[in-house]
């Protein structure tokens, strides 16, 4: 009976030992000559849990997972061995192959020819992170959108991820953003402009986000979106057509039209032109300029009050006119307007010498802000032989003619139709002249060559010759026959009379007044 009692007591002690468990903080002692039930260690990546056992024989332990290793005097190993005695074993738990679900590893003990799993290591699910940086690797809290240019950013995460949801007006380079665990993903973002949304900044408080998710869809990261706005130095617009140049307006201001040079198609609008202008917080300034042509030389005047732009309705209209005039309208973003407002003329225009003399020309950087350049003129169809057209020889701008009514002078030349215009002033050391298209039937290249069409120049009652005046008869830039007068070889202080004849009959008279001194 005594031996049986001792046997039963030994069996009870072994059973109690088999039911004992261990944790990351505390080890247990065990006689491993009879393999115990498997024990569970719960831990996380980065932990170094221990367990303790006692054995009377040599032993060998191995781990079946690369992320669960033994720390020994030889370093970090996958297998470890020892002799009889009590041993405390330290494990190293890494984040290799960590996932969004708990992962398991098993520690197997081998004694003699027998082996069994004695420890089950349960590594907790990954503590997933997704971190955002700017291009200098400075941590940021939100994805900033660019206006026209993309704004770059970087993302680092310990899981494979993708942007699964974001506003339709957000554009990423490449279409979306995806990345893999442990790698830095570079991307760029900008706002998709629609003429409205880019006007206004977006802050984190507005609640717009990019939603990133892992592959399982169970883990979500919400990253705010910000946008500084298009900038107070930016402005875009959409006009009635693709071109802002070559517009004409009727004298009554009721018809706007533009002719396509390539197709000849004429596009017309009634009463006004409508625009869609996009600027930061709708803050922009309209500049209305009138181009004034004096003796063939253009200049610009600010604040043309006969041109009207309604900012609320974004529409442009023009007052009634009696004579031809020229308009130029720009829309400037606030920051650009503040830079030029002190001197509109000098800041907006530069001198162009292509014609041989300095002429004011809108600076290239301001062409993008031109809403319209137009000529307001008479749309009525005119007889091809009506009137008299005179142009500056260098600038080719028209020099307006007025009807001449001195009956005594007209009678002396036996003409019923006469006009008057000024002679251009010398400028920049140049002495420009007039190119005259008299619009007379039968006064053309062929008839001039045949001598049936003639032109006579008179000064103070005497007919001029090439010895006393610089003139010629020849074609103009449009291959139209014209009279060219470049001035007198004496002091030019009185009117020059130019008489146009066909078959010896006087048809029209042009009275040229002297240069302004």
Protein backbone atom coordinates (compact mmCIF):
# COMPACT_ATOMS: atom_id res chain seq x y z
CA UNK A 1 0.00 0.00 0.00
CA UNK A 2 2.83 2.42 0.70
CA UNK A 3 4.32 1.97 -2.76
CA UNK A 4 0.90 2.52 -4.39
CA UNK A 5 0.42 5.73 -2.39
CA UNK A 6 3.81 7.04 -3.54
CA UNK A 7 2.96 6.25 -7.15
CA UNK A 8 -0.40 8.05 -6.91
CA UNK A 9 1.24 11.07 -5.27
CA UNK A 10 3.82 11.28 -8.04
CA UNK A 11 1.08 11.11 -10.69
CA UNK A 12 -0.85 13.93 -8.98
CA UNK A 13 2.21 16.18 -8.90
CA UNK A 14 2.82 15.58 -12.63
CA UNK A 15 -0.79 16.40 -13.44
CA UNK A 16 -0.62 19.68 -11.53
CA UNK A 17 2.56 20.56 -13.41
CA UNK A 18 0.90 19.83 -16.77
CA UNK A 19 -1.89 22.31 -16.03
CA UNK A 20 0.49 25.19 -15.27
CA UNK A 21 0.76 28.06 -17.88
CA UNK A 22 3.29 30.85 -18.39
CA UNK A 23 3.18 34.49 -19.71
CA UNK A 24 5.54 37.10 -21.22
CA UNK A 25 6.59 38.23 -17.76
CA UNK A 26 6.94 35.02 -15.75
CA UNK A 27 8.50 31.60 -16.52
CA UNK A 28 7.57 28.17 -15.02
CA UNK A 29 9.68 25.22 -13.95
CA UNK A 30 8.94 21.72 -15.22
CA UNK A 31 10.43 18.25 -15.32
CA UNK A 32 10.42 17.58 -19.06
CA UNK A 33 11.24 13.91 -18.91
CA UNK A 34 7.50 13.47 -19.52
CA UNK A 35 6.43 16.14 -22.10
CA UNK A 36 3.94 18.58 -20.57
CA UNK A 37 0.83 19.92 -22.19
CA UNK A 38 1.47 22.80 -24.53
CA UNK A 39 1.62 26.20 -22.86
CA UNK A 40 0.59 29.56 -24.33
CA UNK A 41 2.59 32.77 -24.33
CA UNK A 42 0.70 35.85 -25.50
CA UNK A 43 2.87 38.75 -26.63
CA UNK A 44 3.38 41.48 -29.18
CA UNK A 45 6.03 42.34 -31.76
CA UNK A 46 9.03 43.75 -29.96
CA UNK A 47 8.50 41.72 -26.78
CA UNK A 48 11.11 39.39 -25.26
CA UNK A 49 9.10 36.83 -23.21
CA UNK A 50 10.73 34.03 -21.18
CA UNK A 51 9.81 30.60 -19.98
CA UNK A 52 11.64 28.28 -17.52
CA UNK A 53 11.93 24.50 -17.38
CA UNK A 54 13.95 21.83 -15.50
CA UNK A 55 15.18 18.62 -17.07
CA UNK A 56 17.47 15.75 -16.14
CA UNK A 57 18.51 15.07 -19.74
CA UNK A 58 20.02 16.93 -22.67
CA UNK A 59 17.44 18.79 -24.69
CA UNK A 60 16.94 20.66 -27.99
CA UNK A 61 14.41 23.46 -28.70
CA UNK A 62 13.37 24.80 -32.14
CA UNK A 63 10.95 27.46 -33.39
CA UNK A 64 8.88 27.03 -36.53
CA UNK A 65 8.55 30.79 -37.27
CA UNK A 66 11.24 33.21 -38.37
CA UNK A 67 9.65 35.96 -36.31
CA UNK A 68 10.02 33.91 -33.10
CA UNK A 69 13.67 33.25 -32.26
CA UNK A 70 15.84 32.36 -29.25
CA UNK A 71 18.30 34.78 -27.70
CA UNK A 72 21.48 33.03 -26.65
CA UNK A 73 25.15 33.74 -26.09
CA UNK A 74 25.60 32.97 -29.78
CA UNK A 75 23.07 35.61 -30.70
CA UNK A 76 19.65 35.27 -32.24
CA UNK A 77 19.02 31.68 -33.36
CA UNK A 78 16.21 29.48 -34.57
CA UNK A 79 17.36 26.42 -32.55
CA UNK A 80 18.96 26.06 -29.12
CA UNK A 81 20.26 23.12 -27.08
CA UNK A 82 21.36 22.43 -23.53
CA UNK A 83 22.15 19.89 -20.83
CA UNK A 84 20.19 18.74 -17.80
CA UNK A 85 19.21 21.34 -15.29
CA UNK A 86 16.94 24.33 -14.89
CA UNK A 87 16.91 26.77 -17.81
CA UNK A 88 15.23 30.09 -18.50
CA UNK A 89 14.77 30.73 -22.23
CA UNK A 90 14.30 34.19 -23.72
CA UNK A 91 12.43 34.63 -26.99
CA UNK A 92 12.64 37.56 -29.40
CA UNK A 93 9.37 38.47 -31.15
CA UNK A 94 9.80 40.57 -34.33
CA UNK A 95 7.27 42.16 -36.69
CA UNK A 96 8.34 40.03 -39.66
CA UNK A 97 5.29 39.02 -41.72
CA UNK A 98 2.99 40.64 -39.19
CA UNK A 99 -0.61 41.02 -40.34
CA UNK A 100 -3.92 42.41 -39.22
CA UNK A 101 -4.75 39.06 -37.54
CA UNK A 102 -2.94 37.30 -34.64
CA UNK A 103 -0.18 34.92 -35.74
CA UNK A 104 1.12 31.76 -34.02
CA UNK A 105 4.46 30.02 -33.58
CA UNK A 106 5.36 26.75 -31.83
CA UNK A 107 8.38 25.84 -29.70
CA UNK A 108 9.23 22.15 -30.05
CA UNK A 109 11.34 20.22 -27.52
CA UNK A 110 13.32 17.10 -28.44
CA UNK A 111 14.66 14.71 -25.77
CA UNK A 112 16.38 11.56 -26.91
CA UNK A 113 14.31 10.37 -29.84
CA UNK A 114 11.06 11.94 -28.66
CA UNK A 115 9.75 15.43 -29.42
CA UNK A 116 6.67 17.52 -28.71
CA UNK A 117 5.47 21.15 -28.93
CA UNK A 118 5.69 22.58 -25.47
CA UNK A 119 5.01 26.31 -26.05
CA UNK A 120 2.47 28.06 -28.28
CA UNK A 121 3.44 31.70 -28.94
CA UNK A 122 0.56 33.97 -29.98
CA UNK A 123 1.72 37.26 -31.46
CA UNK A 124 -1.00 39.93 -31.39
CA UNK A 125 -2.25 41.56 -34.56
CA UNK A 126 -0.13 44.31 -36.02
CA UNK A 127 -0.53 47.78 -34.66
CA UNK A 128 -1.10 49.24 -38.10
CA UNK A 129 0.10 52.73 -38.87
CA UNK A 130 0.03 55.01 -41.89
CA UNK A 131 2.24 58.08 -41.73
CA UNK A 132 2.27 61.12 -43.98
CA UNK A 133 5.31 63.29 -44.87
CA UNK A 134 6.14 66.19 -47.13
CA UNK A 135 9.08 66.06 -49.58
CA UNK A 136 11.50 67.04 -46.78
CA UNK A 137 10.28 64.04 -44.72
CA UNK A 138 8.63 66.34 -42.21
CA UNK A 139 5.50 64.72 -40.74
CA UNK A 140 2.24 66.30 -41.92
CA UNK A 141 -1.36 65.72 -40.97
CA UNK A 142 -3.17 66.29 -44.30
CA UNK A 143 -2.79 65.89 -48.05
CA UNK A 144 -2.50 69.31 -49.67
CA UNK A 145 -3.93 69.77 -53.16
CA UNK A 146 -2.19 71.87 -55.77
CA UNK A 147 -4.02 74.29 -58.05
CA UNK A 148 -2.52 73.61 -61.50
CA UNK A 149 0.70 71.97 -60.36
CA UNK A 150 0.63 68.84 -58.25
CA UNK A 151 1.76 69.02 -54.61
CA UNK A 152 4.01 66.01 -53.76
CA UNK A 153 3.75 63.97 -50.56
CA UNK A 154 5.01 60.67 -49.15
CA UNK A 155 3.28 57.83 -47.30
CA UNK A 156 4.82 55.09 -45.15
CA UNK A 157 2.83 52.21 -43.64
CA UNK A 158 3.44 48.79 -42.12
CA UNK A 159 0.77 47.18 -44.30
CA UNK A 160 -0.23 47.15 -47.94
CA UNK A 161 -2.72 49.94 -48.53
CA UNK A 162 -4.71 51.80 -51.15
CA UNK A 163 -6.73 55.01 -51.35
CA UNK A 164 -10.21 53.54 -51.61
CA UNK A 165 -12.33 56.68 -51.41
CA UNK A 166 -11.79 60.38 -52.11
CA UNK A 167 -13.76 63.26 -53.65
CA UNK A 168 -14.16 63.14 -57.43
CA UNK A 169 -12.48 66.55 -57.70
CA UNK A 170 -9.22 65.23 -56.22
CA UNK A 171 -6.66 64.05 -58.78
CA UNK A 172 -3.64 61.93 -57.91
CA UNK A 173 -0.72 61.46 -60.27
CA UNK A 174 -1.26 57.97 -61.60
CA UNK A 175 -4.97 58.01 -60.76
CA UNK A 176 -4.81 56.72 -57.18
CA UNK A 177 -2.37 55.85 -54.39
CA UNK A 178 -1.22 52.35 -53.41
CA UNK A 179 1.70 51.14 -51.33
CA UNK A 180 3.27 48.09 -49.69
CA UNK A 181 4.42 47.51 -46.14
CA UNK A 182 7.72 49.05 -45.14
CA UNK A 183 8.25 51.09 -48.30
CA UNK A 184 7.89 54.84 -48.83
CA UNK A 185 5.26 55.64 -51.45
CA UNK A 186 5.57 58.94 -53.28
CA UNK A 187 2.56 60.58 -54.90
CA UNK A 188 1.19 64.00 -55.87
CA UNK A 189 -2.26 65.57 -55.68
CA UNK A 190 -4.12 68.53 -57.12
CA UNK A 191 -7.66 69.84 -57.35
CA UNK A 192 -9.64 69.35 -60.56
CA UNK A 193 -10.67 72.83 -61.62
CA UNK A 194 -14.23 73.53 -62.72
CA UNK A 195 -14.25 77.33 -62.67
CA UNK A 196 -15.79 77.40 -59.20
CA UNK A 197 -14.29 75.09 -56.55
CA UNK A 198 -10.71 76.36 -57.03
CA UNK A 199 -11.83 79.85 -55.97
CA UNK A 200 -12.02 78.90 -52.30
CA UNK A 201 -9.50 77.41 -49.82
CA UNK A 202 -10.21 74.11 -48.06
CA UNK A 203 -9.16 73.48 -44.46
CA UNK A 204 -9.20 70.32 -42.34
CA UNK A 205 -12.32 71.66 -40.64
CA UNK A 206 -14.23 71.36 -43.93
CA UNK A 207 -14.17 67.59 -43.46
CA UNK A 208 -12.94 66.39 -46.86
CA UNK A 209 -10.82 63.24 -46.61
CA UNK A 210 -8.93 60.55 -48.47
CA UNK A 211 -9.76 57.11 -47.02
CA UNK A 212 -6.97 54.52 -47.03
CA UNK A 213 -7.60 50.84 -46.28
CA UNK A 214 -5.63 47.63 -45.88
CA UNK A 215 -6.22 44.67 -48.20
CA UNK A 216 -8.86 43.17 -45.93
CA UNK A 217 -10.85 46.39 -45.80
CA UNK A 218 -11.10 46.08 -42.04
CA UNK A 219 -8.64 48.82 -41.14
CA UNK A 220 -9.39 52.37 -42.24
CA UNK A 221 -7.26 55.53 -42.07
CA UNK A 222 -8.89 58.90 -42.73
CA UNK A 223 -6.49 61.56 -43.99
CA UNK A 224 -7.78 65.17 -44.26
CA UNK A 225 -7.58 67.19 -47.49
CA UNK A 226 -6.48 70.83 -47.61
CA UNK A 227 -6.25 73.37 -50.45
CA UNK A 228 -4.78 76.86 -50.23
CA UNK A 229 -6.90 78.11 -53.11
CA UNK A 230 -5.74 79.10 -56.56
CA UNK A 231 -3.68 82.03 -55.26
CA UNK A 232 -4.48 85.72 -55.44
CA UNK A 233 -2.07 86.05 -58.38
CA UNK A 234 -4.02 83.57 -60.52
CA UNK A 235 -7.04 84.11 -62.75
CA UNK A 236 -8.72 82.10 -65.49
CA UNK A 237 -11.78 82.80 -67.58
CA UNK A 238 -14.00 81.34 -70.26
CA UNK A 239 -15.23 83.76 -72.91
CA UNK A 240 -17.87 83.55 -75.62
CA UNK A 241 -15.28 82.11 -78.05
CA UNK A 242 -11.79 80.70 -77.81
CA UNK A 243 -10.18 83.92 -79.05
CA UNK A 244 -10.12 87.27 -77.26
CA UNK A 245 -8.83 89.20 -80.29
CA UNK A 246 -10.35 90.34 -83.58
CA UNK A 247 -13.73 91.38 -82.17
CA UNK A 248 -15.93 94.08 -83.73
CA UNK A 249 -18.81 95.98 -82.17
CA UNK A 250 -21.44 97.92 -84.08
CA UNK A 251 -21.70 101.67 -83.51
CA UNK A 252 -25.01 101.20 -81.68
CA UNK A 253 -23.35 98.65 -79.36
CA UNK A 254 -26.01 96.04 -80.12
CA UNK A 255 -23.95 93.56 -82.12
CA UNK A 256 -20.68 91.85 -81.24
CA UNK A 257 -19.07 89.75 -83.95
CA UNK A 258 -15.88 87.85 -84.61
CA UNK A 259 -14.66 86.39 -87.90
CA UNK A 260 -12.64 83.19 -87.96
CA UNK A 261 -9.65 83.95 -90.20
CA UNK A 262 -9.24 80.30 -91.18
CA UNK A 263 -12.85 79.47 -92.05
CA UNK A 264 -14.41 82.88 -92.63
CA UNK A 265 -17.24 81.94 -90.26
CA UNK A 266 -18.73 84.93 -88.45
CA UNK A 267 -19.95 84.47 -84.87
CA UNK A 268 -22.42 87.06 -83.56
CA UNK A 269 -23.78 87.99 -80.13
CA UNK A 270 -26.47 90.52 -79.26
CA UNK A 271 -26.12 93.39 -76.78
CA UNK A 272 -23.39 91.91 -74.58
CA UNK A 273 -20.76 89.23 -74.13
CA UNK A 274 -20.82 86.86 -71.16
CA UNK A 275 -17.82 85.44 -69.30
CA UNK A 276 -17.02 83.00 -66.51
CA UNK A 277 -14.14 84.38 -64.45
CA UNK A 278 -12.38 82.36 -61.78
CA UNK A 279 -10.28 84.11 -59.12
CA UNK A 280 -9.48 83.45 -55.47
CA UNK A 281 -12.57 84.39 -53.44
CA UNK A 282 -13.94 86.10 -56.60
CA UNK A 283 -11.49 88.92 -55.99
CA UNK A 284 -10.32 90.50 -59.25
CA UNK A 285 -10.25 93.88 -60.98
CA UNK A 286 -11.51 94.85 -64.44
CA UNK A 287 -9.44 97.36 -66.44
CA UNK A 288 -11.09 99.05 -69.43
CA UNK A 289 -8.70 100.81 -71.80
CA UNK A 290 -9.31 102.85 -74.93
CA UNK A 291 -6.73 102.77 -77.69
CA UNK A 292 -6.55 106.26 -79.16
CA UNK A 293 -4.98 106.63 -82.62
CA UNK A 294 -3.70 110.16 -83.26
CA UNK A 295 -2.24 110.76 -86.75
CA UNK A 296 -1.61 107.00 -87.03
CA UNK A 297 0.14 106.67 -83.65
CA UNK A 298 -1.69 104.58 -81.01
CA UNK A 299 -1.73 105.20 -77.26
CA UNK A 300 -3.87 103.88 -74.42
CA UNK A 301 -6.11 105.65 -71.95
CA UNK A 302 -7.18 104.00 -68.71
CA UNK A 303 -10.75 104.02 -67.40
CA UNK A 304 -12.69 104.03 -70.66
CA UNK A 305 -16.12 104.82 -69.21
CA UNK A 306 -17.95 103.85 -72.42
CA UNK A 307 -17.00 100.21 -71.80
CA UNK A 308 -19.02 98.50 -69.05
CA UNK A 309 -18.33 95.23 -67.26
CA UNK A 310 -20.91 93.89 -64.82
CA UNK A 311 -18.96 91.79 -62.30
CA UNK A 312 -22.06 90.30 -60.76
CA UNK A 313 -23.34 89.02 -64.08
CA UNK A 314 -19.88 88.81 -65.68
CA UNK A 315 -21.11 90.53 -68.82
CA UNK A 316 -19.55 93.19 -71.07
CA UNK A 317 -21.39 95.91 -72.99
CA UNK A 318 -20.44 99.03 -74.96
CA UNK A 319 -22.08 102.47 -75.29
CA UNK A 320 -23.29 103.95 -78.58
CA UNK A 321 -20.58 105.63 -80.68
CA UNK A 322 -20.57 107.94 -83.71
CA UNK A 323 -17.03 107.22 -84.93
CA UNK A 324 -14.65 104.30 -84.94
CA UNK A 325 -12.92 103.61 -81.63
CA UNK A 326 -10.89 100.82 -80.08
CA UNK A 327 -11.23 99.03 -76.74
CA UNK A 328 -9.15 96.66 -74.64
CA UNK A 329 -10.48 94.96 -71.49
CA UNK A 330 -8.43 92.94 -68.98
CA UNK A 331 -9.34 91.04 -65.81
CA UNK A 332 -6.48 91.07 -63.29
CA UNK A 333 -6.23 88.94 -60.13
CA UNK A 334 -5.98 91.04 -57.01
CA UNK A 335 -2.25 90.57 -56.37
CA UNK A 336 -1.33 91.43 -59.97
CA UNK A 337 -3.60 94.48 -60.00
CA UNK A 338 -2.02 95.75 -56.79
CA UNK A 339 1.39 95.55 -58.46
CA UNK A 340 0.40 97.64 -61.51
CA UNK A 341 -2.26 99.99 -60.19
CA UNK A 342 0.19 102.81 -59.49
CA UNK A 343 1.06 103.25 -63.17
CA UNK A 344 -1.20 101.26 -65.47
CA UNK A 345 0.37 102.63 -68.66
CA UNK A 346 4.02 101.86 -67.87
CA UNK A 347 3.35 98.59 -66.06
CA UNK A 348 1.05 97.03 -68.66
CA UNK A 349 2.77 98.23 -71.83
CA UNK A 350 6.22 98.13 -73.33
CA UNK A 351 7.61 99.70 -76.47
CA UNK A 352 7.78 97.66 -79.66
CA UNK A 353 10.12 98.90 -82.40
CA UNK A 354 9.15 96.41 -85.13
CA UNK A 355 7.58 99.18 -87.23
CA UNK A 356 10.70 101.30 -86.99
CA UNK A 357 9.28 103.54 -84.29
CA UNK A 358 8.39 102.84 -80.66
CA UNK A 359 4.77 101.81 -80.23
CA UNK A 360 3.09 100.79 -76.96
CA UNK A 361 2.38 97.04 -76.90
CA UNK A 362 0.77 95.03 -74.13
CA UNK A 363 3.42 93.07 -72.26
CA UNK A 364 3.40 89.35 -73.04
CA UNK A 365 2.74 88.36 -69.42
CA UNK A 366 -0.57 90.26 -69.51
CA UNK A 367 -1.95 88.66 -72.68
CA UNK A 368 -3.43 85.88 -70.54
CA UNK A 369 -5.68 88.42 -68.81
CA UNK A 370 -7.18 89.99 -71.95
CA UNK A 371 -10.95 89.46 -72.04
CA UNK A 372 -11.42 91.25 -75.36
CA UNK A 373 -9.74 93.56 -77.84
CA UNK A 374 -12.21 95.12 -80.22
CA UNK A 375 -12.97 97.81 -82.77
CA UNK A 376 -16.29 99.62 -82.58
CA UNK A 377 -17.21 100.73 -86.07
CA UNK A 378 -19.93 101.10 -88.67
CA UNK A 379 -21.28 97.72 -89.80
CA UNK A 380 -23.25 99.15 -92.72
CA UNK A 381 -22.21 97.84 -96.10
CA UNK A 382 -20.40 100.58 -97.97
CA UNK A 383 -19.87 101.09 -101.65
CA UNK A 384 -16.34 99.93 -102.62
CA UNK A 385 -15.79 103.36 -104.15
CA UNK A 386 -17.13 105.31 -101.20
CA UNK A 387 -14.96 107.58 -99.08
CA UNK A 388 -11.22 107.94 -98.80
CA UNK A 389 -8.88 105.72 -96.74
CA UNK A 390 -5.52 106.95 -95.46
CA UNK A 391 -2.91 105.02 -93.46
CA UNK A 392 0.27 105.84 -91.53
CA UNK A 393 3.17 104.56 -93.63
CA UNK A 394 5.00 102.95 -90.69
CA UNK A 395 2.34 101.87 -88.22
CA UNK A 396 -0.28 101.12 -90.97
CA UNK A 397 -2.94 102.41 -88.57
CA UNK A 398 -5.74 104.25 -90.30
CA UNK A 399 -5.68 108.04 -90.15
CA UNK A 400 -9.28 109.15 -90.11
CA UNK A 401 -10.55 111.32 -92.96
CA UNK A 402 -13.28 113.91 -92.60
CA UNK A 403 -15.44 115.37 -95.32
CA UNK A 404 -13.91 118.57 -96.73
CA UNK A 405 -16.46 121.34 -97.40
CA UNK A 406 -14.52 124.39 -98.64
CA UNK A 407 -16.51 125.00 -101.81
CA UNK A 408 -14.06 127.55 -103.17
CA UNK A 409 -11.15 125.10 -103.04
CA UNK A 410 -13.28 122.27 -104.41
CA UNK A 411 -14.46 124.45 -107.28
CA UNK A 412 -10.88 125.36 -108.15
CA UNK A 413 -10.20 121.65 -108.79
CA UNK A 414 -13.65 120.97 -110.28
CA UNK A 415 -14.46 118.17 -107.81
CA UNK A 416 -17.67 117.40 -105.98
CA UNK A 417 -16.14 114.99 -103.43
CA UNK A 418 -13.32 116.04 -101.12
CA UNK A 419 -11.80 114.83 -97.83
CA UNK A 420 -9.27 116.09 -95.29
CA UNK A 421 -6.73 114.35 -93.05
CA UNK A 422 -3.64 115.35 -91.02
CA UNK A 423 -0.08 114.51 -92.00
CA UNK A 424 1.78 112.34 -89.43
CA UNK A 425 4.32 113.90 -87.13
CA UNK A 426 8.00 112.92 -87.16
CA UNK A 427 8.77 110.50 -84.35
CA UNK A 428 11.90 108.72 -83.07
CA UNK A 429 13.96 110.43 -85.79
CA UNK A 430 11.72 109.01 -88.52
CA UNK A 431 9.66 111.01 -91.05
CA UNK A 432 6.66 108.82 -91.87
CA UNK A 433 4.17 109.54 -94.61
CA UNK A 434 0.68 108.73 -95.89
CA UNK A 435 -0.56 105.79 -97.93
CA UNK A 436 -3.80 106.82 -99.64
CA UNK A 437 -6.46 104.55 -101.14
CA UNK A 438 -8.90 106.95 -102.87
CA UNK A 439 -11.55 104.29 -103.66
CA UNK A 440 -12.19 105.49 -107.21
CA UNK A 441 -13.59 103.30 -109.94
CA UNK A 442 -11.07 103.02 -112.74
CA UNK A 443 -8.20 104.25 -110.56
CA UNK A 444 -6.19 101.06 -110.26
CA UNK A 445 -2.87 99.47 -111.13
CA UNK A 446 -3.66 98.81 -114.79
CA UNK A 447 -5.12 102.24 -115.49
CA UNK A 448 -2.23 103.95 -113.71
CA UNK A 449 0.27 102.01 -115.82
CA UNK A 450 -1.66 102.97 -118.94
CA UNK A 451 -1.74 106.61 -117.86
CA UNK A 452 -5.52 106.90 -117.77
CA UNK A 453 -5.48 107.24 -113.98
CA UNK A 454 -3.34 110.03 -112.60
CA UNK A 455 -2.56 111.83 -109.36
CA UNK A 456 -1.48 115.44 -108.99
CA UNK A 457 0.07 117.01 -105.88
CA UNK A 458 -0.27 120.78 -105.22
CA UNK A 459 1.23 123.06 -102.57
CA UNK A 460 0.37 126.76 -102.32
CA UNK A 461 -1.13 126.71 -105.80
CA UNK A 462 1.86 125.09 -107.51
CA UNK A 463 1.96 121.51 -108.73
CA UNK A 464 4.65 119.49 -107.01
CA UNK A 465 7.23 117.30 -108.64
CA UNK A 466 9.60 114.71 -107.20
CA UNK A 467 12.14 117.47 -106.92
CA UNK A 468 9.91 119.40 -104.53
CA UNK A 469 8.09 116.54 -102.76
CA UNK A 470 8.58 112.90 -101.81
CA UNK A 471 5.71 111.05 -103.38
CA UNK A 472 5.00 108.05 -105.57
CA UNK A 473 2.14 106.03 -107.02
CA UNK A 474 2.28 102.31 -106.24
CA UNK A 475 0.62 99.42 -104.50
CA UNK A 476 0.17 99.25 -100.73
CA UNK A 477 0.69 96.27 -98.43
CA UNK A 478 -2.60 94.73 -99.64
CA UNK A 479 -1.55 95.04 -103.30
CA UNK A 480 -4.04 97.86 -103.76
CA UNK A 481 -3.06 100.87 -105.87
CA UNK A 482 -2.32 103.85 -103.65
CA UNK A 483 -0.72 107.28 -103.57
CA UNK A 484 2.27 107.59 -101.25
CA UNK A 485 3.19 110.99 -99.85
CA UNK A 486 6.25 111.25 -97.62
CA UNK A 487 6.32 115.00 -97.21
CA UNK A 488 7.79 118.08 -98.81
CA UNK A 489 11.41 118.98 -99.31
CA UNK A 490 10.69 122.42 -97.93
CA UNK A 491 9.15 123.48 -94.67
CA UNK A 492 5.67 121.96 -94.64
CA UNK A 493 3.38 124.62 -93.14
CA UNK A 494 0.35 124.74 -95.47
CA UNK A 495 -2.07 122.21 -96.86
CA UNK A 496 -1.11 119.81 -99.62
CA UNK A 497 -3.85 119.10 -102.16
CA UNK A 498 -3.90 115.70 -103.83
CA UNK A 499 -6.14 115.41 -106.87
CA UNK A 500 -7.17 112.05 -108.29
CA UNK A 501 -8.24 111.85 -111.96
CA UNK A 502 -9.49 109.20 -114.35
CA UNK A 503 -9.29 109.90 -118.09
CA UNK A 504 -8.41 113.49 -117.29
CA UNK A 505 -11.56 114.04 -115.19
CA UNK A 506 -11.15 115.08 -111.54
CA UNK A 507 -12.80 112.51 -109.24
CA UNK A 508 -11.74 113.20 -105.66
CA UNK A 509 -9.63 115.65 -103.69
CA UNK A 510 -7.67 114.99 -100.50
CA UNK A 511 -6.51 117.96 -98.43
CA UNK A 512 -3.56 117.04 -96.21
CA UNK A 513 -2.97 119.40 -93.30
CA UNK A 514 0.62 119.97 -92.11
CA UNK A 515 2.27 118.07 -89.24
CA UNK A 516 1.54 119.44 -85.79
CA UNK A 517 4.57 121.46 -84.73
